[in-house]
């Protein structure tokens, strides 16, 4: 049984009041903010029963606002989970309780951020036992590219741990997308076999990072072929052996971006005053393949009038 509650969490300059929704099951606790539909925290148990918050972030609203609006301007990555970069971080979303969770909705006007069409979008977060399900839906009045995803930074050891080198990762992908100097996919779909990107068998993150070119992982892993049918697939599994915590991800999306917090440099102070440095967290962003709007061989990223965009991602937190 999941308990759902909410409370006002502060005032956002220019946007009004925002709330924090709490989803609590016997195994997992999730906090969601109506600002940008952000997941503020996920607390789950280790093998000895200890609860830890495994999502990086901030303690107060002022820091959240600074972080989010910086993210919107830079088009870069940062600490929080929101359904998309761009319009989501500039709005307090409407929220309504549903069984086991909350559904948040927002309307992006025609031309917002340069994109055509009025976009009506919703994301629901529901918690059942150990599994957090995110359900994305959207409709547009004009044909528009869309790629809603999550940007939560995880460290399964909890807050204040320097790196994720002792985490073990596996990703169910036979191919990945090479990128150019600006981290944009080149259009090539490359097999992972005999490359550092072969994560089909679990490997310690720290060991594999030594063989990855550049600063670390920031690549899309292809979970299916471009024209495969819509269905839910296993995407990834991450284990933190010392705590026994496991995160498993499944999704209907055709790709997952594995990112290892390559540009965090210790200048950010987060929850409890801890600093977040390079490789202090990882992201598993389920998504359409990046740059699909410019690559005819990639899965279609256009939402057309009369169609509904719909994708589901599940995050399951267990122990071993």
C-alpha atoms as a PDB file:
ATOM      1  CA  UNK A   1       0.000   0.000   0.000  1.00  0.00           C
ATOM      2  CA  UNK A   2       1.390   3.391  -1.024  1.00  0.00           C
ATOM      3  CA  UNK A   3       0.678   6.458   1.080  1.00  0.00           C
ATOM      4  CA  UNK A   4       0.394   9.709  -0.888  1.00  0.00           C
ATOM      5  CA  UNK A   5       0.588  13.176   0.696  1.00  0.00           C
ATOM      6  CA  UNK A   6       1.569  16.690  -0.295  1.00  0.00           C
ATOM      7  CA  UNK A   7       2.508  20.001   1.274  1.00  0.00           C
ATOM      8  CA  UNK A   8       3.478  23.479   0.134  1.00  0.00           C
ATOM      9  CA  UNK A   9       7.239  23.709  -0.289  1.00  0.00           C
ATOM     10  CA  UNK A  10       7.768  27.377  -1.061  1.00  0.00           C
ATOM     11  CA  UNK A  11       7.317  30.267  -3.477  1.00  0.00           C
ATOM     12  CA  UNK A  12       8.999  30.304  -6.879  1.00  0.00           C
ATOM     13  CA  UNK A  13       9.878  33.823  -8.091  1.00  0.00           C
ATOM     14  CA  UNK A  14       7.503  34.755 -10.899  1.00  0.00           C
ATOM     15  CA  UNK A  15       5.685  31.422 -10.807  1.00  0.00           C
ATOM     16  CA  UNK A  16       3.911  31.295  -7.438  1.00  0.00           C
ATOM     17  CA  UNK A  17       3.699  28.533  -4.882  1.00  0.00           C
ATOM     18  CA  UNK A  18       4.922  25.006  -5.425  1.00  0.00           C
ATOM     19  CA  UNK A  19       4.185  21.755  -3.624  1.00  0.00           C
ATOM     20  CA  UNK A  20       6.129  18.650  -2.705  1.00  0.00           C
ATOM     21  CA  UNK A  21       4.336  15.315  -3.098  1.00  0.00           C
ATOM     22  CA  UNK A  22       5.500  12.301  -1.100  1.00  0.00           C
ATOM     23  CA  UNK A  23       4.937   8.692  -2.166  1.00  0.00           C
ATOM     24  CA  UNK A  24       5.696   6.171   0.584  1.00  0.00           C
ATOM     25  CA  UNK A  25       5.674   2.380   0.334  1.00  0.00           C
ATOM     26  CA  UNK A  26       7.181  -0.032   2.878  1.00  0.00           C
ATOM     27  CA  UNK A  27      10.356  -0.220   0.771  1.00  0.00           C
ATOM     28  CA  UNK A  28      10.764   3.152  -0.970  1.00  0.00           C
ATOM     29  CA  UNK A  29      10.035   6.841  -0.379  1.00  0.00           C
ATOM     30  CA  UNK A  30       9.852   9.309  -3.290  1.00  0.00           C
ATOM     31  CA  UNK A  31       9.538  13.105  -3.171  1.00  0.00           C
ATOM     32  CA  UNK A  32       8.251  14.969  -6.255  1.00  0.00           C
ATOM     33  CA  UNK A  33       8.161  18.742  -6.753  1.00  0.00           C
ATOM     34  CA  UNK A  34       5.545  20.486  -8.888  1.00  0.00           C
ATOM     35  CA  UNK A  35       8.299  22.814 -10.156  1.00  0.00           C
ATOM     36  CA  UNK A  36       9.360  21.128 -13.394  1.00  0.00           C
ATOM     37  CA  UNK A  37       7.838  17.805 -12.216  1.00  0.00           C
ATOM     38  CA  UNK A  38      11.176  17.128 -10.504  1.00  0.00           C
ATOM     39  CA  UNK A  39      11.946  14.041  -8.469  1.00  0.00           C
ATOM     40  CA  UNK A  40      13.642  15.581  -5.428  1.00  0.00           C
ATOM     41  CA  UNK A  41      14.626  12.369  -3.654  1.00  0.00           C
ATOM     42  CA  UNK A  42      14.377   8.588  -3.666  1.00  0.00           C
ATOM     43  CA  UNK A  43      15.111   6.792  -0.406  1.00  0.00           C
ATOM     44  CA  UNK A  44      15.506   3.022  -0.382  1.00  0.00           C
ATOM     45  CA  UNK A  45      16.907   0.303   1.878  1.00  0.00           C
ATOM     46  CA  UNK A  46      20.313  -1.360   1.817  1.00  0.00           C
ATOM     47  CA  UNK A  47      20.983  -4.995   2.650  1.00  0.00           C
ATOM     48  CA  UNK A  48      21.113  -4.211   6.371  1.00  0.00           C
ATOM     49  CA  UNK A  49      17.842  -2.281   6.280  1.00  0.00           C
ATOM     50  CA  UNK A  50      19.339   1.220   6.330  1.00  0.00           C
ATOM     51  CA  UNK A  51      17.469   3.886   4.338  1.00  0.00           C
ATOM     52  CA  UNK A  52      19.503   6.259   2.139  1.00  0.00           C
ATOM     53  CA  UNK A  53      18.545   8.984  -0.308  1.00  0.00           C
ATOM     54  CA  UNK A  54      20.137   7.882  -3.594  1.00  0.00           C
ATOM     55  CA  UNK A  55      19.317  10.961  -5.716  1.00  0.00           C
ATOM     56  CA  UNK A  56      21.617  13.995  -5.796  1.00  0.00           C
ATOM     57  CA  UNK A  57      20.018  17.368  -5.225  1.00  0.00           C
ATOM     58  CA  UNK A  58      19.497  20.288  -2.882  1.00  0.00           C
ATOM     59  CA  UNK A  59      17.912  20.880   0.504  1.00  0.00           C
ATOM     60  CA  UNK A  60      16.172  24.196  -0.153  1.00  0.00           C
ATOM     61  CA  UNK A  61      14.031  25.840  -2.802  1.00  0.00           C
ATOM     62  CA  UNK A  62      16.429  28.713  -3.524  1.00  0.00           C
ATOM     63  CA  UNK A  63      19.177  26.338  -4.600  1.00  0.00           C
ATOM     64  CA  UNK A  64      16.713  24.285  -6.642  1.00  0.00           C
ATOM     65  CA  UNK A  65      15.623  27.378  -8.582  1.00  0.00           C
ATOM     66  CA  UNK A  66      19.189  28.506  -9.285  1.00  0.00           C
ATOM     67  CA  UNK A  67      20.106  25.021 -10.518  1.00  0.00           C
ATOM     68  CA  UNK A  68      17.062  24.598 -12.730  1.00  0.00           C
ATOM     69  CA  UNK A  69      17.146  27.945 -14.450  1.00  0.00           C
ATOM     70  CA  UNK A  70      20.877  27.519 -15.087  1.00  0.00           C
ATOM     71  CA  UNK A  71      20.114  24.173 -16.684  1.00  0.00           C
ATOM     72  CA  UNK A  72      17.510  25.719 -18.970  1.00  0.00           C
ATOM     73  CA  UNK A  73      19.862  28.436 -20.211  1.00  0.00           C
ATOM     74  CA  UNK A  74      22.868  26.178 -20.742  1.00  0.00           C
ATOM     75  CA  UNK A  75      20.959  23.247 -22.257  1.00  0.00           C
ATOM     76  CA  UNK A  76      23.322  21.142 -20.169  1.00  0.00           C
ATOM     77  CA  UNK A  77      22.859  18.408 -17.599  1.00  0.00           C
ATOM     78  CA  UNK A  78      22.417  18.944 -13.938  1.00  0.00           C
ATOM     79  CA  UNK A  79      21.226  17.443 -10.720  1.00  0.00           C
ATOM     80  CA  UNK A  80      17.506  16.882 -11.077  1.00  0.00           C
ATOM     81  CA  UNK A  81      14.962  14.721 -12.802  1.00  0.00           C
ATOM     82  CA  UNK A  82      12.477  16.591 -14.970  1.00  0.00           C
ATOM     83  CA  UNK A  83      10.455  15.341 -17.940  1.00  0.00           C
ATOM     84  CA  UNK A  84      12.457  17.468 -20.370  1.00  0.00           C
ATOM     85  CA  UNK A  85      14.927  20.268 -20.619  1.00  0.00           C
ATOM     86  CA  UNK A  86      13.331  23.544 -21.690  1.00  0.00           C
ATOM     87  CA  UNK A  87       9.741  24.309 -20.889  1.00  0.00           C
ATOM     88  CA  UNK A  88       9.364  21.973 -17.916  1.00  0.00           C
ATOM     89  CA  UNK A  89      11.767  23.847 -15.647  1.00  0.00           C
ATOM     90  CA  UNK A  90      10.047  27.177 -16.252  1.00  0.00           C
ATOM     91  CA  UNK A  91       6.677  26.163 -14.856  1.00  0.00           C
ATOM     92  CA  UNK A  92       4.900  24.914 -11.784  1.00  0.00           C
ATOM     93  CA  UNK A  93       2.938  21.948 -13.060  1.00  0.00           C
ATOM     94  CA  UNK A  94      -0.629  21.150 -12.061  1.00  0.00           C
ATOM     95  CA  UNK A  95      -0.807  18.112  -9.786  1.00  0.00           C
ATOM     96  CA  UNK A  96      -3.561  15.652  -8.950  1.00  0.00           C
ATOM     97  CA  UNK A  97      -3.483  12.550  -6.786  1.00  0.00           C
ATOM     98  CA  UNK A  98      -3.987   9.187  -8.466  1.00  0.00           C
ATOM     99  CA  UNK A  99      -3.914   5.714  -6.973  1.00  0.00           C
ATOM    100  CA  UNK A 100      -0.424   5.169  -5.590  1.00  0.00           C
ATOM    101  CA  UNK A 101       0.975   8.442  -6.839  1.00  0.00           C
ATOM    102  CA  UNK A 102       0.548  11.785  -8.560  1.00  0.00           C
ATOM    103  CA  UNK A 103      -0.044  12.987 -12.120  1.00  0.00           C
ATOM    104  CA  UNK A 104       1.437  16.321 -13.182  1.00  0.00           C
ATOM    105  CA  UNK A 105       0.384  18.227 -16.289  1.00  0.00           C
ATOM    106  CA  UNK A 106       1.511  21.303 -18.202  1.00  0.00           C
ATOM    107  CA  UNK A 107       0.671  23.070 -21.466  1.00  0.00           C
ATOM    108  CA  UNK A 108       3.514  24.501 -23.524  1.00  0.00           C
ATOM    109  CA  UNK A 109       2.260  27.243 -25.915  1.00  0.00           C
ATOM    110  CA  UNK A 110       2.843  27.204 -29.652  1.00  0.00           C
ATOM    111  CA  UNK A 111       6.367  28.501 -30.327  1.00  0.00           C
ATOM    112  CA  UNK A 112       7.700  27.883 -26.815  1.00  0.00           C
ATOM    113  CA  UNK A 113      11.500  27.436 -27.018  1.00  0.00           C
ATOM    114  CA  UNK A 114      11.075  27.676 -30.790  1.00  0.00           C
ATOM    115  CA  UNK A 115       9.037  24.459 -31.105  1.00  0.00           C
ATOM    116  CA  UNK A 116       5.823  24.383 -33.168  1.00  0.00           C
ATOM    117  CA  UNK A 117       2.423  23.500 -31.741  1.00  0.00           C
ATOM    118  CA  UNK A 118       0.683  23.791 -28.394  1.00  0.00           C
ATOM    119  CA  UNK A 119       1.909  20.786 -26.461  1.00  0.00           C
ATOM    120  CA  UNK A 120      -0.201  19.267 -23.699  1.00  0.00           C
ATOM    121  CA  UNK A 121       2.012  16.987 -21.632  1.00  0.00           C
ATOM    122  CA  UNK A 122       1.584  14.915 -18.485  1.00  0.00           C
ATOM    123  CA  UNK A 123       3.772  12.658 -16.397  1.00  0.00           C
ATOM    124  CA  UNK A 124       2.531  10.369 -13.664  1.00  0.00           C
ATOM    125  CA  UNK A 125       4.668   8.973 -10.875  1.00  0.00           C
ATOM    126  CA  UNK A 126       3.242   5.916  -9.157  1.00  0.00           C
ATOM    127  CA  UNK A 127       4.932   3.788  -6.524  1.00  0.00           C
ATOM    128  CA  UNK A 128       4.069   0.141  -5.979  1.00  0.00           C
ATOM    129  CA  UNK A 129       6.302  -1.663  -3.517  1.00  0.00           C
ATOM    130  CA  UNK A 130       9.853  -1.328  -4.825  1.00  0.00           C
ATOM    131  CA  UNK A 131       8.946   0.052  -8.264  1.00  0.00           C
ATOM    132  CA  UNK A 132       8.532   3.675  -9.310  1.00  0.00           C
ATOM    133  CA  UNK A 133       6.696   3.961 -12.632  1.00  0.00           C
ATOM    134  CA  UNK A 134       6.858   7.087 -14.786  1.00  0.00           C
ATOM    135  CA  UNK A 135       4.203   7.398 -17.501  1.00  0.00           C
ATOM    136  CA  UNK A 136       4.596  10.155 -20.099  1.00  0.00           C
ATOM    137  CA  UNK A 137       1.857  11.347 -22.458  1.00  0.00           C
ATOM    138  CA  UNK A 138       1.650  14.291 -24.828  1.00  0.00           C
ATOM    139  CA  UNK A 139      -0.414  15.728 -27.697  1.00  0.00           C
ATOM    140  CA  UNK A 140       0.442  18.593 -30.042  1.00  0.00           C
ATOM    141  CA  UNK A 141      -1.574  20.845 -32.341  1.00  0.00           C
ATOM    142  CA  UNK A 142       1.277  20.855 -34.894  1.00  0.00           C
ATOM    143  CA  UNK A 143       3.945  18.378 -35.927  1.00  0.00           C
ATOM    144  CA  UNK A 144       6.807  18.792 -33.471  1.00  0.00           C
ATOM    145  CA  UNK A 145       9.897  16.866 -32.331  1.00  0.00           C
ATOM    146  CA  UNK A 146       9.547  15.464 -28.822  1.00  0.00           C
ATOM    147  CA  UNK A 147      11.812  13.475 -26.537  1.00  0.00           C
ATOM    148  CA  UNK A 148      10.694  13.489 -22.905  1.00  0.00           C
ATOM    149  CA  UNK A 149      13.171  11.939 -20.493  1.00  0.00           C
ATOM    150  CA  UNK A 150      14.525  11.869 -16.955  1.00  0.00           C
ATOM    151  CA  UNK A 151      17.686  13.467 -15.597  1.00  0.00           C
ATOM    152  CA  UNK A 152      17.988  12.062 -12.108  1.00  0.00           C
ATOM    153  CA  UNK A 153      21.553  11.649 -10.841  1.00  0.00           C
ATOM    154  CA  UNK A 154      21.886   8.453  -8.781  1.00  0.00           C
ATOM    155  CA  UNK A 155      24.490   7.253  -6.307  1.00  0.00           C
ATOM    156  CA  UNK A 156      23.316   4.021  -4.706  1.00  0.00           C
ATOM    157  CA  UNK A 157      25.714   4.496  -1.785  1.00  0.00           C
ATOM    158  CA  UNK A 158      23.805   7.611  -0.716  1.00  0.00           C
ATOM    159  CA  UNK A 159      24.803  11.220  -0.141  1.00  0.00           C
ATOM    160  CA  UNK A 160      28.380  12.372   0.365  1.00  0.00           C
ATOM    161  CA  UNK A 161      30.119   9.471  -1.410  1.00  0.00           C
ATOM    162  CA  UNK A 162      32.917  10.676  -3.652  1.00  0.00           C
ATOM    163  CA  UNK A 163      32.377   8.499  -6.729  1.00  0.00           C
ATOM    164  CA  UNK A 164      30.547   5.566  -8.306  1.00  0.00           C
ATOM    165  CA  UNK A 165      33.633   3.537  -9.200  1.00  0.00           C
ATOM    166  CA  UNK A 166      32.481   0.593  -7.059  1.00  0.00           C
ATOM    167  CA  UNK A 167      29.063   0.421  -8.769  1.00  0.00           C
ATOM    168  CA  UNK A 168      28.580  -2.424 -11.255  1.00  0.00           C
ATOM    169  CA  UNK A 169      26.583  -1.632 -14.391  1.00  0.00           C
ATOM    170  CA  UNK A 170      25.030  -3.689 -17.168  1.00  0.00           C
ATOM    171  CA  UNK A 171      23.008  -2.371 -20.119  1.00  0.00           C
ATOM    172  CA  UNK A 172      20.934  -4.584 -22.423  1.00  0.00           C
ATOM    173  CA  UNK A 173      22.167  -3.086 -25.685  1.00  0.00           C
ATOM    174  CA  UNK A 174      23.949  -4.631 -28.666  1.00  0.00           C
ATOM    175  CA  UNK A 175      24.781  -1.235 -30.196  1.00  0.00           C
ATOM    176  CA  UNK A 176      25.414   2.386 -29.233  1.00  0.00           C
ATOM    177  CA  UNK A 177      25.662   5.788 -30.926  1.00  0.00           C
ATOM    178  CA  UNK A 178      29.148   7.286 -31.383  1.00  0.00           C
ATOM    179  CA  UNK A 179      29.263  11.073 -30.908  1.00  0.00           C
ATOM    180  CA  UNK A 180      31.190  14.020 -32.316  1.00  0.00           C
ATOM    181  CA  UNK A 181      33.241  16.579 -30.377  1.00  0.00           C
ATOM    182  CA  UNK A 182      30.027  18.269 -29.189  1.00  0.00           C
ATOM    183  CA  UNK A 183      28.519  14.980 -27.917  1.00  0.00           C
ATOM    184  CA  UNK A 184      25.971  14.845 -30.758  1.00  0.00           C
ATOM    185  CA  UNK A 185      25.458  11.401 -32.369  1.00  0.00           C
ATOM    186  CA  UNK A 186      27.119  11.206 -35.763  1.00  0.00           C
ATOM    187  CA  UNK A 187      24.434   9.003 -37.325  1.00  0.00           C
ATOM    188  CA  UNK A 188      26.436   5.788 -37.080  1.00  0.00           C
ATOM    189  CA  UNK A 189      24.948   2.843 -35.185  1.00  0.00           C
ATOM    190  CA  UNK A 190      27.948   0.872 -33.918  1.00  0.00           C
ATOM    191  CA  UNK A 191      27.964  -2.631 -32.370  1.00  0.00           C
ATOM    192  CA  UNK A 192      29.208  -2.682 -28.774  1.00  0.00           C
ATOM    193  CA  UNK A 193      31.086  -5.954 -29.252  1.00  0.00           C
ATOM    194  CA  UNK A 194      34.845  -5.611 -28.648  1.00  0.00           C
ATOM    195  CA  UNK A 195      34.487  -1.996 -27.466  1.00  0.00           C
ATOM    196  CA  UNK A 196      34.464  -0.355 -23.999  1.00  0.00           C
ATOM    197  CA  UNK A 197      30.741   0.173 -24.561  1.00  0.00           C
ATOM    198  CA  UNK A 198      29.922  -3.519 -24.281  1.00  0.00           C
ATOM    199  CA  UNK A 199      28.061  -3.512 -20.971  1.00  0.00           C
ATOM    200  CA  UNK A 200      25.953  -6.589 -21.593  1.00  0.00           C
ATOM    201  CA  UNK A 201      27.800  -8.307 -18.737  1.00  0.00           C
ATOM    202  CA  UNK A 202      28.128  -6.430 -15.404  1.00  0.00           C
ATOM    203  CA  UNK A 203      31.351  -4.476 -15.018  1.00  0.00           C
ATOM    204  CA  UNK A 204      32.643  -2.086 -12.320  1.00  0.00           C
ATOM    205  CA  UNK A 205      32.158   1.481 -13.489  1.00  0.00           C
ATOM    206  CA  UNK A 206      35.625   2.584 -12.341  1.00  0.00           C
ATOM    207  CA  UNK A 207      37.357  -0.178 -14.272  1.00  0.00           C
ATOM    208  CA  UNK A 208      35.477   0.488 -17.506  1.00  0.00           C
ATOM    209  CA  UNK A 209      35.894   4.282 -17.315  1.00  0.00           C
ATOM    210  CA  UNK A 210      39.647   3.813 -17.754  1.00  0.00           C
ATOM    211  CA  UNK A 211      38.986   2.547 -21.292  1.00  0.00           C
ATOM    212  CA  UNK A 212      36.295   5.026 -22.379  1.00  0.00           C
ATOM    213  CA  UNK A 213      37.543   7.926 -24.527  1.00  0.00           C
ATOM    214  CA  UNK A 214      36.967  11.452 -23.290  1.00  0.00           C
ATOM    215  CA  UNK A 215      35.673  12.339 -19.834  1.00  0.00           C
ATOM    216  CA  UNK A 216      33.469   9.277 -19.377  1.00  0.00           C
ATOM    217  CA  UNK A 217      30.193   7.773 -20.509  1.00  0.00           C
ATOM    218  CA  UNK A 218      27.708  10.126 -22.150  1.00  0.00           C
ATOM    219  CA  UNK A 219      26.267   7.928 -24.869  1.00  0.00           C
ATOM    220  CA  UNK A 220      22.964   6.528 -26.066  1.00  0.00           C
ATOM    221  CA  UNK A 221      22.683   2.755 -25.890  1.00  0.00           C
ATOM    222  CA  UNK A 222      20.256   1.250 -28.425  1.00  0.00           C
ATOM    223  CA  UNK A 223      17.736  -1.055 -26.761  1.00  0.00           C
ATOM    224  CA  UNK A 224      16.086  -2.114 -30.025  1.00  0.00           C
ATOM    225  CA  UNK A 225      16.129  -1.510 -33.767  1.00  0.00           C
ATOM    226  CA  UNK A 226      14.739   1.777 -35.103  1.00  0.00           C
ATOM    227  CA  UNK A 227      11.467   0.312 -36.413  1.00  0.00           C
ATOM    228  CA  UNK A 228      10.739  -2.223 -33.680  1.00  0.00           C
ATOM    229  CA  UNK A 229       7.264  -2.288 -32.135  1.00  0.00           C
ATOM    230  CA  UNK A 230       6.363  -0.343 -28.970  1.00  0.00           C
ATOM    231  CA  UNK A 231       6.924  -2.666 -26.002  1.00  0.00           C
ATOM    232  CA  UNK A 232       8.540  -2.563 -22.585  1.00  0.00           C
ATOM    233  CA  UNK A 233      12.111  -3.882 -22.472  1.00  0.00           C
ATOM    234  CA  UNK A 234      14.757  -4.363 -19.816  1.00  0.00           C
ATOM    235  CA  UNK A 235      17.253  -1.518 -20.147  1.00  0.00           C
ATOM    236  CA  UNK A 236      19.849  -1.551 -17.375  1.00  0.00           C
ATOM    237  CA  UNK A 237      20.885  -2.814 -13.960  1.00  0.00           C
ATOM    238  CA  UNK A 238      23.238  -1.140 -11.476  1.00  0.00           C
ATOM    239  CA  UNK A 239      24.501  -2.830  -8.296  1.00  0.00           C
ATOM    240  CA  UNK A 240      26.337  -1.199  -5.391  1.00  0.00           C
ATOM    241  CA  UNK A 241      27.963  -4.238  -3.721  1.00  0.00           C
ATOM    242  CA  UNK A 242      28.842  -2.642  -0.334  1.00  0.00           C
ATOM    243  CA  UNK A 243      25.246  -1.597   0.391  1.00  0.00           C
ATOM    244  CA  UNK A 244      23.578  -4.313  -1.675  1.00  0.00           C
ATOM    245  CA  UNK A 245      21.338  -1.763  -3.385  1.00  0.00           C
ATOM    246  CA  UNK A 246      20.213  -2.557  -6.922  1.00  0.00           C
ATOM    247  CA  UNK A 247      18.512  -0.291  -9.452  1.00  0.00           C
ATOM    248  CA  UNK A 248      16.855  -1.936 -12.449  1.00  0.00           C
ATOM    249  CA  UNK A 249      15.362   0.070 -15.296  1.00  0.00           C
ATOM    250  CA  UNK A 250      12.862  -1.026 -17.933  1.00  0.00           C
ATOM    251  CA  UNK A 251      11.275   1.151 -20.594  1.00  0.00           C
ATOM    252  CA  UNK A 252       9.249   1.372 -23.786  1.00  0.00           C
ATOM    253  CA  UNK A 253      11.770   3.874 -25.159  1.00  0.00           C
ATOM    254  CA  UNK A 254      14.237   2.695 -27.834  1.00  0.00           C
ATOM    255  CA  UNK A 255      17.306   4.054 -26.052  1.00  0.00           C
ATOM    256  CA  UNK A 256      18.941   4.894 -22.751  1.00  0.00           C
ATOM    257  CA  UNK A 257      21.607   7.544 -22.193  1.00  0.00           C
ATOM    258  CA  UNK A 258      24.235   6.367 -19.715  1.00  0.00           C
ATOM    259  CA  UNK A 259      26.011   9.362 -18.204  1.00  0.00           C
ATOM    260  CA  UNK A 260      28.648   9.376 -15.460  1.00  0.00           C
ATOM    261  CA  UNK A 261      28.533  12.996 -14.197  1.00  0.00           C
ATOM    262  CA  UNK A 262      31.629  13.898 -16.165  1.00  0.00           C
ATOM    263  CA  UNK A 263      31.520  17.674 -15.666  1.00  0.00           C
ATOM    264  CA  UNK A 264      30.684  17.950 -11.987  1.00  0.00           C
ATOM    265  CA  UNK A 265      33.796  19.442 -10.381  1.00  0.00           C
ATOM    266  CA  UNK A 266      33.149  19.713  -6.643  1.00  0.00           C
ATOM    267  CA  UNK A 267      31.983  23.329  -6.809  1.00  0.00           C
ATOM    268  CA  UNK A 268      28.340  22.294  -6.257  1.00  0.00           C
ATOM    269  CA  UNK A 269      27.149  21.864  -2.668  1.00  0.00           C
ATOM    270  CA  UNK A 270      24.124  19.646  -2.389  1.00  0.00           C
ATOM    271  CA  UNK A 271      22.094  17.921   0.284  1.00  0.00           C
ATOM    272  CA  UNK A 272      23.614  18.211   3.732  1.00  0.00           C
ATOM    273  CA  UNK A 273      26.330  20.496   2.367  1.00  0.00           C
ATOM    274  CA  UNK A 274      28.158  17.691   0.554  1.00  0.00           C
ATOM    275  CA  UNK A 275      30.016  18.465  -2.665  1.00  0.00           C
ATOM    276  CA  UNK A 276      29.337  16.694  -5.942  1.00  0.00           C
ATOM    277  CA  UNK A 277      32.475  15.949  -7.946  1.00  0.00           C
ATOM    278  CA  UNK A 278      33.358  14.232 -11.202  1.00  0.00           C
ATOM    279  CA  UNK A 279      31.921  10.710 -11.500  1.00  0.00           C
ATOM    280  CA  UNK A 280      29.985  11.124  -8.243  1.00  0.00           C
ATOM    281  CA  UNK A 281      26.747   9.864  -9.818  1.00  0.00           C
ATOM    282  CA  UNK A 282      25.232   8.225 -12.873  1.00  0.00           C
ATOM    283  CA  UNK A 283      22.160   8.853 -15.008  1.00  0.00           C
ATOM    284  CA  UNK A 284      20.069   6.346 -16.945  1.00  0.00           C
ATOM    285  CA  UNK A 285      17.947   8.558 -19.178  1.00  0.00           C
ATOM    286  CA  UNK A 286      15.430   6.520 -21.163  1.00  0.00           C
ATOM    287  CA  UNK A 287      14.756   8.300 -24.433  1.00  0.00           C
ATOM    288  CA  UNK A 288      14.441   8.331 -28.175  1.00  0.00           C
ATOM    289  CA  UNK A 289      17.829   8.352 -29.872  1.00  0.00           C
ATOM    290  CA  UNK A 290      19.351  11.863 -29.736  1.00  0.00           C
ATOM    291  CA  UNK A 291      19.551  13.842 -32.997  1.00  0.00           C
ATOM    292  CA  UNK A 292      16.795  11.691 -34.486  1.00  0.00           C
ATOM    293  CA  UNK A 293      15.264  14.765 -36.123  1.00  0.00           C
ATOM    294  CA  UNK A 294      18.365  14.949 -38.363  1.00  0.00           C
ATOM    295  CA  UNK A 295      18.917  11.206 -38.897  1.00  0.00           C
ATOM    296  CA  UNK A 296      16.400   9.378 -41.091  1.00  0.00           C
ATOM    297  CA  UNK A 297      17.721   5.987 -39.942  1.00  0.00           C
ATOM    298  CA  UNK A 298      16.940   6.722 -36.263  1.00  0.00           C
ATOM    299  CA  UNK A 299      13.524   6.087 -34.631  1.00  0.00           C
ATOM    300  CA  UNK A 300      10.949   8.737 -35.564  1.00  0.00           C
ATOM    301  CA  UNK A 301      10.839  11.580 -33.029  1.00  0.00           C
ATOM    302  CA  UNK A 302       7.969  13.603 -34.523  1.00  0.00           C
ATOM    303  CA  UNK A 303       4.618  13.926 -32.757  1.00  0.00           C
ATOM    304  CA  UNK A 304       1.833  14.709 -35.226  1.00  0.00           C
ATOM    305  CA  UNK A 305      -1.607  16.253 -34.619  1.00  0.00           C
ATOM    306  CA  UNK A 306      -4.110  13.580 -33.618  1.00  0.00           C
ATOM    307  CA  UNK A 307      -1.434  11.202 -32.322  1.00  0.00           C
ATOM    308  CA  UNK A 308      -0.518  10.606 -28.691  1.00  0.00           C
ATOM    309  CA  UNK A 309       3.040  10.390 -27.429  1.00  0.00           C
ATOM    310  CA  UNK A 310       3.176   7.691 -24.747  1.00  0.00           C
ATOM    311  CA  UNK A 311       6.117   6.062 -23.011  1.00  0.00           C
ATOM    312  CA  UNK A 312       6.628   4.241 -19.726  1.00  0.00           C
ATOM    313  CA  UNK A 313       9.784   3.785 -17.642  1.00  0.00           C
ATOM    314  CA  UNK A 314      10.091   1.779 -14.418  1.00  0.00           C
ATOM    315  CA  UNK A 315      12.788   2.130 -11.759  1.00  0.00           C
ATOM    316  CA  UNK A 316      12.924  -0.809  -9.342  1.00  0.00           C
ATOM    317  CA  UNK A 317      14.987  -0.589  -6.143  1.00  0.00           C
ATOM    318  CA  UNK A 318      15.931  -3.895  -4.487  1.00  0.00           C
ATOM    319  CA  UNK A 319      18.779  -5.411  -2.504  1.00  0.00           C
ATOM    320  CA  UNK A 320      21.010  -8.464  -2.801  1.00  0.00           C
END
